[in-house]
Amino acid sequence: MIAASLALVAALATAGAPALAVAQAQAATYGAPVDPAVAKARAQARDSLPVFWSKFDAKPDGYDSFVVQVDMPTPRGGSEAVWVMVVSRLGDTIFGRFANKPTQVAGLLGADVQASAANVVDWSYTRDGRTYGHFTTRAMFDRVSPEMRAKAQATLAPTALESESR
């Protein structure tokens, strides 16, 4: 399942979904204003972050592929939203690996990275083959081709939160 989740992240954040990648890049780099749908999705993700951390800490059977999207500072003074596969956390520090290749932040796909939990803007985990979270991805569905949307929806759970978390 980790491979499937990473494939979803990569497909939605890189060349596999150019319209989505462009929308994310425009919304998340160089201090550009985030559009209202993405801002709302980020707020929902932040508000429900305790759900993510409780699943990550407990790691129940059937759960895996814990990733967070983090705003990271760029050399030009803005920020870039990058996906990070969470390995561990200590206090406010997240230790992980880049799950997509940053375009403005130094780092390679799979490279070790540290980030502040305060900068998390989205999250995702997989339960029994269905991916929860991805609030910002869901918010941008109207900007991608029907084919790309169908591909993402085949992996994503019907809702961002499991029913017991809503």
N, C-alpha and C. Protein backbone atom coordinates (compact mmCIF):
# COMPACT_ATOMS: atom_id res chain seq x y z
N MET A 1 0.79 -1.20 0.00
CA MET A 1 0.00 0.00 0.00
C MET A 1 0.84 1.27 0.00
N ILE A 2 2.04 1.21 0.59
CA ILE A 2 2.89 2.39 0.57
C ILE A 2 3.18 2.78 -0.86
N ALA A 3 3.46 1.81 -1.71
CA ALA A 3 3.75 2.10 -3.11
C ALA A 3 2.54 2.74 -3.79
N ALA A 4 1.34 2.24 -3.48
CA ALA A 4 0.13 2.80 -4.08
C ALA A 4 -0.08 4.24 -3.64
N SER A 5 0.14 4.53 -2.36
CA SER A 5 -0.03 5.89 -1.87
C SER A 5 1.01 6.82 -2.47
N LEU A 6 2.25 6.37 -2.53
CA LEU A 6 3.29 7.18 -3.15
C LEU A 6 2.99 7.42 -4.62
N ALA A 7 2.46 6.39 -5.29
CA ALA A 7 2.10 6.56 -6.70
C ALA A 7 1.01 7.61 -6.86
N LEU A 8 0.02 7.61 -5.96
CA LEU A 8 -1.03 8.61 -6.01
C LEU A 8 -0.45 10.00 -5.80
N VAL A 9 0.38 10.13 -4.78
CA VAL A 9 1.01 11.43 -4.50
C VAL A 9 1.82 11.88 -5.70
N ALA A 10 2.64 10.98 -6.24
CA ALA A 10 3.47 11.33 -7.39
C ALA A 10 2.63 11.68 -8.60
N ALA A 11 1.60 10.89 -8.86
CA ALA A 11 0.76 11.14 -10.03
C ALA A 11 0.03 12.46 -9.92
N LEU A 12 -0.39 12.82 -8.72
CA LEU A 12 -1.15 14.05 -8.55
C LEU A 12 -0.27 15.27 -8.36
N ALA A 13 1.00 15.06 -8.05
CA ALA A 13 1.87 16.20 -7.77
C ALA A 13 2.93 16.44 -8.82
N THR A 14 3.01 15.59 -9.81
CA THR A 14 4.03 15.74 -10.84
C THR A 14 3.43 15.70 -12.22
N ALA A 15 4.22 15.34 -13.20
CA ALA A 15 3.81 15.39 -14.60
C ALA A 15 2.59 14.54 -14.91
N GLY A 16 2.26 13.55 -14.10
CA GLY A 16 1.09 12.72 -14.36
C GLY A 16 -0.20 13.52 -14.34
N ALA A 17 -0.20 14.66 -13.70
CA ALA A 17 -1.38 15.52 -13.63
C ALA A 17 -0.94 16.96 -13.78
N PRO A 18 -0.57 17.35 -15.01
CA PRO A 18 -0.01 18.69 -15.18
C PRO A 18 -0.91 19.81 -14.70
N ALA A 19 -2.20 19.72 -14.94
CA ALA A 19 -3.08 20.80 -14.52
C ALA A 19 -3.09 20.92 -13.00
N LEU A 20 -3.12 19.79 -12.32
CA LEU A 20 -3.12 19.80 -10.88
C LEU A 20 -1.79 20.29 -10.35
N ALA A 21 -0.70 19.83 -10.94
CA ALA A 21 0.62 20.27 -10.51
C ALA A 21 0.78 21.77 -10.69
N VAL A 22 0.31 22.30 -11.80
CA VAL A 22 0.40 23.75 -12.04
C VAL A 22 -0.44 24.50 -11.01
N ALA A 23 -1.66 24.01 -10.76
CA ALA A 23 -2.52 24.68 -9.77
C ALA A 23 -1.87 24.65 -8.40
N GLN A 24 -1.28 23.50 -8.01
CA GLN A 24 -0.62 23.43 -6.71
C GLN A 24 0.58 24.36 -6.67
N ALA A 25 1.37 24.37 -7.73
CA ALA A 25 2.57 25.21 -7.75
C ALA A 25 2.18 26.69 -7.68
N GLN A 26 1.16 27.07 -8.43
CA GLN A 26 0.74 28.47 -8.42
C GLN A 26 0.19 28.86 -7.05
N ALA A 27 -0.48 27.93 -6.39
CA ALA A 27 -1.09 28.24 -5.10
C ALA A 27 -0.11 28.16 -3.95
N ALA A 28 1.01 27.44 -4.14
CA ALA A 28 1.83 27.13 -2.97
C ALA A 28 3.28 27.60 -3.05
N THR A 29 3.67 28.33 -4.09
CA THR A 29 5.04 28.79 -4.15
C THR A 29 5.11 30.30 -4.24
N TYR A 30 6.26 30.81 -3.87
CA TYR A 30 6.55 32.23 -3.98
C TYR A 30 5.55 33.11 -3.24
N GLY A 31 4.91 32.59 -2.21
CA GLY A 31 4.00 33.40 -1.42
C GLY A 31 2.74 33.79 -2.15
N ALA A 32 2.42 33.09 -3.25
CA ALA A 32 1.21 33.41 -4.01
C ALA A 32 -0.02 33.16 -3.16
N PRO A 33 -1.06 33.96 -3.36
CA PRO A 33 -2.28 33.72 -2.59
C PRO A 33 -2.87 32.37 -2.95
N VAL A 34 -3.40 31.68 -1.96
CA VAL A 34 -4.04 30.40 -2.17
C VAL A 34 -5.51 30.66 -2.48
N ASP A 35 -6.04 29.98 -3.51
CA ASP A 35 -7.43 30.24 -3.86
C ASP A 35 -8.36 29.76 -2.75
N PRO A 36 -9.59 30.25 -2.72
CA PRO A 36 -10.50 29.96 -1.61
C PRO A 36 -10.77 28.47 -1.39
N ALA A 37 -10.91 27.69 -2.46
CA ALA A 37 -11.18 26.25 -2.30
C ALA A 37 -10.00 25.55 -1.64
N VAL A 38 -8.79 25.91 -2.05
CA VAL A 38 -7.60 25.30 -1.46
C VAL A 38 -7.42 25.78 -0.02
N ALA A 39 -7.66 27.06 0.23
CA ALA A 39 -7.56 27.58 1.60
C ALA A 39 -8.53 26.87 2.53
N LYS A 40 -9.74 26.63 2.06
CA LYS A 40 -10.74 25.92 2.86
C LYS A 40 -10.29 24.48 3.10
N ALA A 41 -9.76 23.83 2.07
CA ALA A 41 -9.28 22.45 2.21
C ALA A 41 -8.12 22.36 3.20
N ARG A 42 -7.21 23.33 3.13
CA ARG A 42 -6.08 23.36 4.07
C ARG A 42 -6.59 23.53 5.50
N ALA A 43 -7.58 24.38 5.70
CA ALA A 43 -8.14 24.59 7.04
C ALA A 43 -8.79 23.30 7.55
N GLN A 44 -9.52 22.60 6.68
CA GLN A 44 -10.12 21.33 7.08
C GLN A 44 -9.05 20.31 7.44
N ALA A 45 -7.98 20.27 6.67
CA ALA A 45 -6.89 19.34 6.96
C ALA A 45 -6.24 19.68 8.29
N ARG A 46 -5.97 20.95 8.52
CA ARG A 46 -5.36 21.37 9.79
C ARG A 46 -6.28 21.04 10.98
N ASP A 47 -7.57 21.32 10.82
CA ASP A 47 -8.53 21.06 11.90
C ASP A 47 -8.62 19.58 12.23
N SER A 48 -8.42 18.72 11.25
CA SER A 48 -8.54 17.28 11.47
C SER A 48 -7.19 16.60 11.65
N LEU A 49 -6.12 17.36 11.75
CA LEU A 49 -4.78 16.78 11.92
C LEU A 49 -4.68 15.84 13.13
N PRO A 50 -5.39 16.10 14.24
CA PRO A 50 -5.34 15.13 15.34
C PRO A 50 -5.80 13.72 14.94
N VAL A 51 -6.71 13.63 13.98
CA VAL A 51 -7.14 12.32 13.48
C VAL A 51 -5.94 11.61 12.84
N PHE A 52 -5.22 12.33 12.00
CA PHE A 52 -4.03 11.77 11.35
C PHE A 52 -3.02 11.29 12.39
N TRP A 53 -2.69 12.16 13.34
CA TRP A 53 -1.66 11.80 14.32
C TRP A 53 -2.11 10.63 15.19
N SER A 54 -3.38 10.54 15.52
CA SER A 54 -3.84 9.40 16.33
C SER A 54 -3.69 8.10 15.56
N LYS A 55 -3.97 8.11 14.27
CA LYS A 55 -3.79 6.90 13.45
C LYS A 55 -2.29 6.60 13.29
N PHE A 56 -1.49 7.63 13.06
CA PHE A 56 -0.05 7.42 12.91
C PHE A 56 0.54 6.82 14.20
N ASP A 57 0.19 7.38 15.34
CA ASP A 57 0.73 6.91 16.61
C ASP A 57 0.30 5.48 16.93
N ALA A 58 -0.96 5.15 16.63
CA ALA A 58 -1.48 3.82 16.95
C ALA A 58 -1.10 2.77 15.90
N LYS A 59 -0.98 3.20 14.65
CA LYS A 59 -0.70 2.31 13.52
C LYS A 59 -1.53 1.02 13.59
N PRO A 60 -2.85 1.16 13.57
CA PRO A 60 -3.71 -0.03 13.61
C PRO A 60 -3.49 -0.92 12.39
N ASP A 61 -3.82 -2.19 12.51
CA ASP A 61 -3.73 -3.10 11.37
C ASP A 61 -4.52 -2.54 10.20
N GLY A 62 -3.96 -2.65 9.02
CA GLY A 62 -4.63 -2.17 7.81
C GLY A 62 -4.33 -0.73 7.44
N TYR A 63 -3.63 0.00 8.31
CA TYR A 63 -3.30 1.41 8.06
C TYR A 63 -1.83 1.53 7.66
N ASP A 64 -1.55 2.34 6.65
CA ASP A 64 -0.17 2.60 6.27
C ASP A 64 -0.09 3.86 5.41
N SER A 65 1.06 4.11 4.84
CA SER A 65 1.29 5.24 3.93
C SER A 65 0.91 6.58 4.55
N PHE A 66 1.48 6.88 5.68
CA PHE A 66 1.20 8.13 6.38
C PHE A 66 2.05 9.25 5.77
N VAL A 67 1.40 10.21 5.10
CA VAL A 67 2.11 11.33 4.49
C VAL A 67 1.45 12.64 4.90
N VAL A 68 2.27 13.68 4.97
CA VAL A 68 1.76 15.03 5.24
C VAL A 68 2.25 15.95 4.14
N GLN A 69 1.47 16.96 3.84
CA GLN A 69 1.91 18.00 2.92
C GLN A 69 2.32 19.18 3.79
N VAL A 70 3.54 19.64 3.56
CA VAL A 70 4.13 20.66 4.41
C VAL A 70 4.54 21.86 3.56
N ASP A 71 4.20 23.06 4.02
CA ASP A 71 4.71 24.28 3.39
C ASP A 71 6.16 24.45 3.85
N MET A 72 7.08 24.42 2.90
CA MET A 72 8.49 24.57 3.22
C MET A 72 9.01 25.85 2.58
N PRO A 73 9.87 26.59 3.29
CA PRO A 73 10.39 27.85 2.74
C PRO A 73 11.26 27.60 1.51
N THR A 74 11.13 28.51 0.55
CA THR A 74 11.95 28.43 -0.67
C THR A 74 13.05 29.48 -0.61
N PRO A 75 14.08 29.30 -1.43
CA PRO A 75 15.17 30.30 -1.44
C PRO A 75 14.70 31.69 -1.84
N ARG A 76 13.58 31.79 -2.56
CA ARG A 76 13.09 33.09 -3.02
C ARG A 76 12.15 33.76 -2.02
N GLY A 77 11.99 33.14 -0.85
CA GLY A 77 11.19 33.77 0.18
C GLY A 77 9.76 33.32 0.29
N GLY A 78 9.28 32.54 -0.64
CA GLY A 78 7.92 32.02 -0.54
C GLY A 78 7.92 30.66 0.12
N SER A 79 6.97 29.82 -0.26
CA SER A 79 6.94 28.47 0.25
C SER A 79 6.46 27.53 -0.85
N GLU A 80 6.78 26.26 -0.67
CA GLU A 80 6.34 25.22 -1.59
C GLU A 80 5.71 24.12 -0.76
N ALA A 81 4.55 23.67 -1.17
CA ALA A 81 3.88 22.56 -0.49
C ALA A 81 4.44 21.26 -1.05
N VAL A 82 5.08 20.47 -0.18
CA VAL A 82 5.65 19.19 -0.60
C VAL A 82 5.09 18.08 0.27
N TRP A 83 4.94 16.91 -0.32
CA TRP A 83 4.46 15.74 0.42
C TRP A 83 5.65 15.03 1.05
N VAL A 84 5.48 14.64 2.31
CA VAL A 84 6.52 13.98 3.09
C VAL A 84 5.96 12.69 3.68
N MET A 85 6.61 11.55 3.38
CA MET A 85 6.26 10.28 4.00
C MET A 85 6.78 10.32 5.43
N VAL A 86 5.88 10.27 6.40
CA VAL A 86 6.27 10.42 7.81
C VAL A 86 6.91 9.13 8.31
N VAL A 87 8.11 9.27 8.87
CA VAL A 87 8.81 8.14 9.47
C VAL A 87 8.63 8.19 10.99
N SER A 88 8.79 9.39 11.55
CA SER A 88 8.62 9.56 13.00
C SER A 88 8.39 11.04 13.28
N ARG A 89 8.10 11.32 14.53
CA ARG A 89 8.01 12.71 14.96
C ARG A 89 8.45 12.79 16.41
N LEU A 90 9.00 13.93 16.73
CA LEU A 90 9.45 14.20 18.08
C LEU A 90 9.01 15.61 18.40
N GLY A 91 8.02 15.73 19.28
CA GLY A 91 7.47 17.04 19.56
C GLY A 91 6.86 17.64 18.30
N ASP A 92 7.33 18.82 17.93
CA ASP A 92 6.82 19.53 16.76
C ASP A 92 7.61 19.22 15.49
N THR A 93 8.59 18.33 15.58
CA THR A 93 9.43 18.02 14.43
C THR A 93 9.02 16.70 13.79
N ILE A 94 8.78 16.76 12.48
CA ILE A 94 8.43 15.58 11.69
C ILE A 94 9.69 15.13 10.96
N PHE A 95 9.97 13.85 11.02
CA PHE A 95 11.09 13.26 10.29
C PHE A 95 10.50 12.36 9.22
N GLY A 96 10.95 12.55 8.00
CA GLY A 96 10.39 11.74 6.92
C GLY A 96 11.24 11.79 5.68
N ARG A 97 10.59 11.43 4.57
CA ARG A 97 11.25 11.43 3.25
C ARG A 97 10.33 12.12 2.26
N PHE A 98 10.93 12.89 1.35
CA PHE A 98 10.13 13.54 0.31
C PHE A 98 9.36 12.47 -0.47
N ALA A 99 8.05 12.66 -0.59
CA ALA A 99 7.21 11.74 -1.34
C ALA A 99 6.94 12.26 -2.75
N ASN A 100 7.29 13.49 -3.01
CA ASN A 100 7.29 14.03 -4.37
C ASN A 100 8.54 14.89 -4.53
N LYS A 101 8.95 15.11 -5.75
CA LYS A 101 10.17 15.88 -5.99
C LYS A 101 9.86 17.37 -5.89
N PRO A 102 10.46 18.03 -4.92
CA PRO A 102 10.24 19.47 -4.80
C PRO A 102 10.77 20.20 -6.04
N THR A 103 10.12 21.30 -6.38
CA THR A 103 10.60 22.08 -7.52
C THR A 103 11.38 23.31 -7.08
N GLN A 104 11.08 23.85 -5.89
CA GLN A 104 11.75 25.06 -5.42
C GLN A 104 12.57 24.85 -4.15
N VAL A 105 12.31 23.75 -3.44
CA VAL A 105 13.01 23.43 -2.21
C VAL A 105 14.08 22.40 -2.54
N ALA A 106 15.27 22.56 -1.98
CA ALA A 106 16.34 21.60 -2.23
C ALA A 106 15.95 20.24 -1.66
N GLY A 107 16.03 19.23 -2.48
CA GLY A 107 15.72 17.88 -2.03
C GLY A 107 15.28 17.00 -3.18
N LEU A 108 15.55 15.72 -3.05
CA LEU A 108 15.20 14.77 -4.08
C LEU A 108 14.12 13.82 -3.57
N LEU A 109 13.35 13.27 -4.48
CA LEU A 109 12.36 12.27 -4.13
C LEU A 109 13.03 11.20 -3.28
N GLY A 110 12.47 10.91 -2.12
CA GLY A 110 13.01 9.89 -1.22
C GLY A 110 14.07 10.39 -0.26
N ALA A 111 14.53 11.63 -0.43
CA ALA A 111 15.56 12.17 0.46
C ALA A 111 14.98 12.44 1.85
N ASP A 112 15.83 12.28 2.87
CA ASP A 112 15.41 12.57 4.24
C ASP A 112 15.11 14.06 4.38
N VAL A 113 14.10 14.37 5.22
CA VAL A 113 13.71 15.75 5.44
C VAL A 113 13.15 15.88 6.86
N GLN A 114 13.33 17.05 7.43
CA GLN A 114 12.71 17.41 8.70
C GLN A 114 11.79 18.59 8.44
N ALA A 115 10.66 18.60 9.11
CA ALA A 115 9.71 19.69 8.94
C ALA A 115 9.00 19.96 10.25
N SER A 116 8.48 21.15 10.36
CA SER A 116 7.72 21.54 11.55
C SER A 116 6.25 21.13 11.37
N ALA A 117 5.70 20.52 12.40
CA ALA A 117 4.28 20.14 12.35
C ALA A 117 3.39 21.37 12.17
N ALA A 118 3.87 22.53 12.58
CA ALA A 118 3.10 23.76 12.42
C ALA A 118 2.89 24.12 10.95
N ASN A 119 3.71 23.56 10.06
CA ASN A 119 3.62 23.88 8.64
C ASN A 119 2.84 22.85 7.83
N VAL A 120 2.22 21.89 8.49
CA VAL A 120 1.41 20.88 7.78
C VAL A 120 0.15 21.55 7.24
N VAL A 121 -0.11 21.34 5.94
CA VAL A 121 -1.30 21.92 5.31
C VAL A 121 -2.25 20.86 4.76
N ASP A 122 -1.83 19.59 4.77
CA ASP A 122 -2.68 18.50 4.31
C ASP A 122 -2.08 17.20 4.84
N TRP A 123 -2.84 16.14 4.79
CA TRP A 123 -2.35 14.85 5.26
C TRP A 123 -3.09 13.73 4.54
N SER A 124 -2.53 12.53 4.67
CA SER A 124 -3.14 11.38 4.02
C SER A 124 -2.64 10.10 4.67
N TYR A 125 -3.48 9.10 4.73
CA TYR A 125 -3.07 7.75 5.09
C TYR A 125 -3.97 6.78 4.34
N THR A 126 -3.53 5.55 4.28
CA THR A 126 -4.29 4.52 3.58
C THR A 126 -4.80 3.50 4.59
N ARG A 127 -6.06 3.14 4.44
CA ARG A 127 -6.66 2.09 5.26
C ARG A 127 -7.27 1.06 4.32
N ASP A 128 -6.74 -0.14 4.41
CA ASP A 128 -7.25 -1.25 3.59
C ASP A 128 -7.39 -0.86 2.13
N GLY A 129 -6.38 -0.18 1.61
CA GLY A 129 -6.35 0.16 0.19
C GLY A 129 -7.08 1.42 -0.21
N ARG A 130 -7.72 2.11 0.70
CA ARG A 130 -8.43 3.35 0.41
C ARG A 130 -7.70 4.50 1.11
N THR A 131 -7.49 5.58 0.38
CA THR A 131 -6.72 6.70 0.91
C THR A 131 -7.65 7.79 1.45
N TYR A 132 -7.39 8.15 2.70
CA TYR A 132 -8.14 9.22 3.37
C TYR A 132 -7.29 10.48 3.41
N GLY A 133 -7.91 11.62 3.68
CA GLY A 133 -7.20 12.88 3.66
C GLY A 133 -7.15 13.42 2.25
N HIS A 134 -5.99 13.96 1.85
CA HIS A 134 -5.83 14.58 0.52
C HIS A 134 -6.90 15.66 0.31
N PHE A 135 -7.09 16.49 1.31
CA PHE A 135 -8.11 17.54 1.24
C PHE A 135 -7.87 18.48 0.06
N THR A 136 -6.60 18.91 -0.13
CA THR A 136 -6.31 19.85 -1.22
C THR A 136 -6.48 19.19 -2.58
N THR A 137 -6.14 17.93 -2.68
CA THR A 137 -6.33 17.20 -3.94
C THR A 137 -7.81 17.17 -4.29
N ARG A 138 -8.63 16.84 -3.32
CA ARG A 138 -10.08 16.78 -3.55
C ARG A 138 -10.63 18.16 -3.94
N ALA A 139 -10.06 19.21 -3.36
CA ALA A 139 -10.54 20.57 -3.65
C ALA A 139 -10.24 20.99 -5.09
N MET A 140 -9.27 20.33 -5.71
CA MET A 140 -8.87 20.72 -7.07
C MET A 140 -9.38 19.77 -8.14
N PHE A 141 -10.29 18.87 -7.79
CA PHE A 141 -10.81 17.91 -8.77
C PHE A 141 -11.43 18.59 -9.98
N ASP A 142 -12.05 19.75 -9.79
CA ASP A 142 -12.70 20.42 -10.92
C ASP A 142 -11.69 21.01 -11.91
N ARG A 143 -10.40 20.94 -11.59
CA ARG A 143 -9.37 21.53 -12.45
C ARG A 143 -8.58 20.50 -13.25
N VAL A 144 -8.92 19.23 -13.09
CA VAL A 144 -8.18 18.18 -13.80
C VAL A 144 -9.10 17.49 -14.78
N SER A 145 -8.49 16.74 -15.67
CA SER A 145 -9.28 16.02 -16.67
C SER A 145 -10.15 14.95 -15.98
N PRO A 146 -11.24 14.58 -16.63
CA PRO A 146 -12.07 13.51 -16.06
C PRO A 146 -11.29 12.21 -15.87
N GLU A 147 -10.34 11.95 -16.74
CA GLU A 147 -9.52 10.74 -16.63
C GLU A 147 -8.66 10.77 -15.36
N MET A 148 -8.02 11.91 -15.10
CA MET A 148 -7.18 12.03 -13.93
C MET A 148 -8.03 11.99 -12.66
N ARG A 149 -9.17 12.62 -12.69
CA ARG A 149 -10.07 12.61 -11.54
C ARG A 149 -10.51 11.17 -11.25
N ALA A 150 -10.88 10.42 -12.29
CA ALA A 150 -11.31 9.02 -12.11
C ALA A 150 -10.16 8.18 -11.55
N LYS A 151 -8.96 8.42 -12.03
CA LYS A 151 -7.79 7.67 -11.53
C LYS A 151 -7.57 7.95 -10.04
N ALA A 152 -7.67 9.20 -9.65
CA ALA A 152 -7.50 9.55 -8.24
C ALA A 152 -8.63 8.99 -7.40
N GLN A 153 -9.86 9.09 -7.89
CA GLN A 153 -11.00 8.61 -7.13
C GLN A 153 -11.00 7.10 -6.97
N ALA A 154 -10.30 6.39 -7.85
CA ALA A 154 -10.20 4.94 -7.72
C ALA A 154 -9.38 4.55 -6.49
N THR A 155 -8.48 5.43 -6.06
CA THR A 155 -7.63 5.17 -4.90
C THR A 155 -8.15 5.86 -3.65
N LEU A 156 -8.71 7.06 -3.81
CA LEU A 156 -9.20 7.82 -2.67
C LEU A 156 -10.48 7.21 -2.09
N ALA A 157 -10.61 7.27 -0.77
CA ALA A 157 -11.86 6.91 -0.13
C ALA A 157 -12.92 7.94 -0.56
N PRO A 158 -14.20 7.60 -0.47
CA PRO A 158 -15.24 8.53 -0.91
C PRO A 158 -15.21 9.88 -0.17
N THR A 159 -14.75 9.87 1.08
CA THR A 159 -14.67 11.09 1.87
C THR A 159 -13.28 11.21 2.45
N ALA A 160 -12.89 12.43 2.80
CA ALA A 160 -11.55 12.66 3.34
C ALA A 160 -11.38 12.05 4.74
N LEU A 161 -12.47 11.98 5.49
CA LEU A 161 -12.41 11.44 6.85
C LEU A 161 -13.21 10.14 6.93
N GLU A 162 -12.69 9.21 7.71
CA GLU A 162 -13.44 7.99 7.98
C GLU A 162 -14.71 8.36 8.73
N SER A 163 -15.74 7.57 8.61
CA SER A 163 -17.03 7.91 9.19
C SER A 163 -16.96 8.15 10.70
N GLU A 164 -16.13 7.38 11.41
CA GLU A 164 -16.04 7.57 12.85
C GLU A 164 -15.27 8.84 13.24
N SER A 165 -14.62 9.48 12.27
CA SER A 165 -13.84 10.69 12.55
C SER A 165 -14.59 11.96 12.19
N ARG A 166 -15.74 11.85 11.55
CA ARG A 166 -16.48 13.03 11.12
C ARG A 166 -17.33 13.59 12.21
